[in-house]
C-alpha cells in the first residue's frame, strides 16, 4: 500500500517493508514535458516554467514547514499525514535528470510490454533549461 494510504496501518503497528523511493533513487516519476516546436519557438517560456518548477522543488526540499503546509493545502490531508509524506519524499526532490534515471523509469514501463523497444534515454533529455535554472538559483 502506498503512502499516505498506509498511514493507518503504520499507526496500528504494521511496518513498511519497502518504499520504492528508496529502491529507485534518482528515478523520475514525474517530469516536465514539451515539444521540440515549443522549445524552438518559445525558449523564454520554457526557461521560465522550468525555473519556477525548480524553485518550488528547492523551496519544498529546503523548507520543511513550508513543504508540509503545501502538502496539507494541495493534498487535503492533515498535518500528521503531511509531515509523514514530507519526511518520506524529501530526499526524492532532486532537480536532476540523468540517462540512468530515465532508463530505470523506462524499465518499469517495459515490464508490461510483450516486446522490449529499443530505447536510448539521452534522446529524451534536454536539460539545458534545468542547468540554466539551477545556475540562476545559485545551485
Protein backbone atom coordinates (compact mmCIF):
# COMPACT_ATOMS: atom_id res chain seq x y z
CA UNK A 1 0.00 0.00 0.00
CA UNK A 2 1.41 3.38 -0.98
CA UNK A 3 1.68 6.45 1.23
CA UNK A 4 -0.41 8.15 2.53
CA UNK A 5 -2.96 5.33 2.42
CA UNK A 6 -0.68 3.18 4.57
CA UNK A 7 -0.69 5.68 7.46
CA UNK A 8 -3.48 4.00 9.40
CA UNK A 9 -1.72 0.61 9.10
CA UNK A 10 1.53 2.10 10.39
CA UNK A 11 -0.40 3.52 13.36
CA UNK A 12 -1.75 0.03 14.04
CA UNK A 13 1.79 -1.33 14.30
CA UNK A 14 2.39 -2.59 10.77
CA UNK A 15 5.87 -1.98 9.35
CA UNK A 16 6.72 -0.58 5.93
CA UNK A 17 8.86 -3.26 4.29
CA UNK A 18 9.95 -1.28 1.27
CA UNK A 19 9.46 2.20 -0.12
CA UNK A 20 10.02 2.47 -3.87
CA UNK A 21 11.51 5.93 -3.43
CA UNK A 22 14.40 4.23 -1.61
CA UNK A 23 14.79 1.49 -4.21
CA UNK A 24 14.56 3.72 -7.27
CA UNK A 25 16.81 6.59 -6.19
CA UNK A 26 17.11 9.46 -8.72
CA UNK A 27 14.41 7.94 -10.91
CA UNK A 28 11.95 10.48 -12.30
CA UNK A 29 8.38 9.54 -11.50
CA UNK A 30 7.09 12.76 -12.96
CA UNK A 31 8.62 15.11 -15.46
CA UNK A 32 8.05 18.35 -17.27
CA UNK A 33 7.45 17.65 -20.94
CA UNK A 34 7.09 19.78 -24.05
CA UNK A 35 7.62 19.51 -27.77
CA UNK A 36 10.67 20.45 -29.81
CA UNK A 37 8.47 23.04 -31.52
CA UNK A 38 7.69 24.84 -28.25
CA UNK A 39 11.35 24.74 -27.23
CA UNK A 40 12.34 26.23 -30.56
CA UNK A 41 9.58 28.83 -30.79
CA UNK A 42 9.25 29.84 -27.12
CA UNK A 43 12.52 29.14 -25.30
CA UNK A 44 11.91 32.00 -22.83
CA UNK A 45 8.60 30.46 -21.78
CA UNK A 46 10.20 27.05 -21.36
CA UNK A 47 13.00 28.54 -19.28
CA UNK A 48 10.57 30.40 -17.00
CA UNK A 49 8.41 27.30 -16.45
CA UNK A 50 11.43 25.11 -15.68
CA UNK A 51 12.88 27.72 -13.33
CA UNK A 52 9.56 28.06 -11.48
CA UNK A 53 9.34 24.29 -11.02
CA UNK A 54 12.94 24.01 -9.83
CA UNK A 55 12.47 26.94 -7.46
CA UNK A 56 9.34 25.32 -5.99
CA UNK A 57 11.08 21.95 -5.65
CA UNK A 58 14.06 23.50 -3.89
CA UNK A 59 11.77 25.54 -1.61
CA UNK A 60 9.89 22.43 -0.55
CA UNK A 61 13.10 20.44 -0.10
CA UNK A 62 14.80 23.15 1.98
CA UNK A 63 11.77 24.32 3.97
CA UNK A 64 10.10 21.52 5.95
CA UNK A 65 7.31 23.62 7.47
CA UNK A 66 6.53 25.31 4.14
CA UNK A 67 6.58 21.95 2.40
CA UNK A 68 4.21 20.45 4.95
CA UNK A 69 1.85 23.41 4.54
CA UNK A 70 1.83 22.91 0.75
CA UNK A 71 1.14 19.18 1.10
CA UNK A 72 -1.72 19.91 3.52
CA UNK A 73 -3.25 22.52 1.23
CA UNK A 74 -2.86 20.73 -2.11
CA UNK A 75 -3.18 17.17 -0.84
CA UNK A 76 -6.07 17.96 1.50
CA UNK A 77 -4.54 15.94 4.33
CA UNK A 78 -3.98 16.72 7.99
CA UNK A 79 -0.65 17.90 9.40
CA UNK A 80 0.40 14.48 10.72
CA UNK A 81 -0.03 12.83 7.31
CA UNK A 82 1.54 15.80 5.51
CA UNK A 83 4.59 15.65 7.80
CA UNK A 84 4.90 11.91 7.23
CA UNK A 85 4.69 12.38 3.45
CA UNK A 86 7.20 15.21 3.52
CA UNK A 87 9.71 13.16 5.51
CA UNK A 88 9.26 10.22 3.17
CA UNK A 89 9.52 12.24 -0.05
CA UNK A 90 12.00 15.00 0.82
CA UNK A 91 15.10 13.21 -0.44
CA UNK A 92 13.42 12.40 -3.75
CA UNK A 93 13.07 16.10 -4.56
CA UNK A 94 16.27 16.40 -6.55
CA UNK A 95 16.27 18.61 -9.63
CA UNK A 96 18.35 16.21 -11.66
CA UNK A 97 17.70 14.25 -14.82
CA UNK A 98 20.14 11.52 -15.74
CA UNK A 99 20.12 8.95 -18.55
CA UNK A 100 20.39 6.21 -15.91
CA UNK A 101 17.34 7.52 -14.04
CA UNK A 102 15.32 7.75 -17.26
CA UNK A 103 16.44 4.24 -18.24
CA UNK A 104 15.38 2.82 -14.86
CA UNK A 105 11.99 4.52 -15.11
CA UNK A 106 11.51 3.18 -18.63
CA UNK A 107 12.40 -0.33 -17.43
CA UNK A 108 9.39 -0.24 -15.13
CA UNK A 109 7.16 0.57 -18.10
CA UNK A 110 8.81 -2.03 -20.35
CA UNK A 111 7.91 -4.76 -17.87
CA UNK A 112 4.29 -4.61 -19.04
CA UNK A 113 5.14 -4.81 -22.76
CA UNK A 114 5.35 -8.01 -24.80
CA UNK A 115 8.28 -6.75 -26.83
CA UNK A 116 11.12 -4.66 -25.48
CA UNK A 117 11.56 -1.47 -27.55
CA UNK A 118 14.97 -0.08 -28.45
CA UNK A 119 15.47 2.89 -26.19
CA UNK A 120 18.20 5.49 -25.81
CA UNK A 121 17.47 7.68 -22.75
CA UNK A 122 19.64 10.58 -23.94
CA UNK A 123 17.22 11.12 -26.84
CA UNK A 124 14.54 12.12 -24.33
CA UNK A 125 16.58 14.56 -22.26
CA UNK A 126 17.10 18.25 -22.92
CA UNK A 127 18.48 19.51 -19.65
CA UNK A 128 19.85 22.88 -20.78
CA UNK A 129 16.87 24.70 -19.23
CA UNK A 130 17.29 22.78 -15.97
CA UNK A 131 21.00 23.62 -15.86
CA UNK A 132 20.23 27.27 -16.59
CA UNK A 133 17.61 27.39 -13.82
CA UNK A 134 19.99 25.83 -11.31
CA UNK A 135 22.73 28.30 -12.23
CA UNK A 136 20.38 31.26 -11.88
CA UNK A 137 19.29 29.97 -8.46
CA UNK A 138 22.90 29.62 -7.33
CA UNK A 139 22.92 25.80 -7.31
